[in-house]
């Protein structure tokens, strides 16, 4: 990878000025994939990257380490950025184990077209970009939108992404680093489109189509779907390197890069193992996650479908009963009345003293005679 690839999206002039400031050269960068052609006259680079003036109608907010320049109509949309800026700086300080960023200027354009007037003339933003950063100038330019789809731009992810780029370049003192590390750290810090990223990684893992770390820079330069996949892989790999148990090693690697080590040497000496070994561990972890997701989906999806069918049937039965009740209101009323009658209890008290006895009918006496000690009835 070349240092120019790292700043390709910032323009060739930025590359010239960066090396003029930090004294970089192809030999000092370590040669090989990290080497770059000898830069031209540094004075021309500095002139090309000079900040253009701010429109007089813009408002300003001084946050100490960061300044915001924005049009009055964007006051409400810029207010959350101002409120969250210090927290974002603290997060970057934790990830990089140093206090990053000072003298940052954020310019907010009314639309994508106005970004070019707020950015250095020698390095305009890419077509359609809604945010761009210039590490040498500590400058961030973001757009209010609308995007190509007509939707207003969410300023928070763009600012987080560009602040992450500035912080990483400042942390390594402008040393050459892989483009995937820069892109991956920015995407990891942004936490933007994480679901889309996980889905892209899942499909690539299932199809065994993931790039090797050595291929990520080339894939990022190609752009398109391959570039998006490479960006997702870069963010996931950086997330692996920044796991809680690995965070001190990542900070040490950044420090070694700052003092002139090349990337692979800095990683090997900080993590105690080669970059290729870390990559294998990352891929193994990604494979386990893919397998677990597949098994969970194979078991969980049918269960959810069956549960949905059962719930649907229960709802239909309940609706049928409800409609049947509406169609027979009289029957329902009679039933309710019968239930009320059944629920009543009648108690009858028996008053023996007041009871009237039935009359006794006297039978006529029949004449009888005694004969030899026996009684006989006369007929």
Foldseek 3Di string as FASTA:
>chain_A
DELCLLCVQQAPLLVLLLCVVLVDAQVLLPHDPHGDHGHDDNVVSVLQFDFADADPQWDWDDPQQEIETEHPVCVVLCVVVSVCVVVLQVVLCLLQVHRFGGNAYEYEAAELVCQCVGGRVRGGGDPQDQWDARLVNNYIYGYQDDGPVRRGDNVQLRVQLRVQLNRLCVLLVNHGDQSLLSLLSSCLRSVPPVVVLLVLLLVCLVVVNADDPVCLSVQCVVDDPSNSNSSSVSNLLVVLCCDPVNSQLSNQLSNVSSVRDHNQVSNCVSVVHTPVVSRVVSSVVSNVVSVVVVVCCVPVVVVVVVVVVVVVVVVVVVVVVVVVCVVCVPVVVVVVVVVVVVVDDDDDDDDVVPDDDDDDDDDDDFDWDADPNDIDTDD
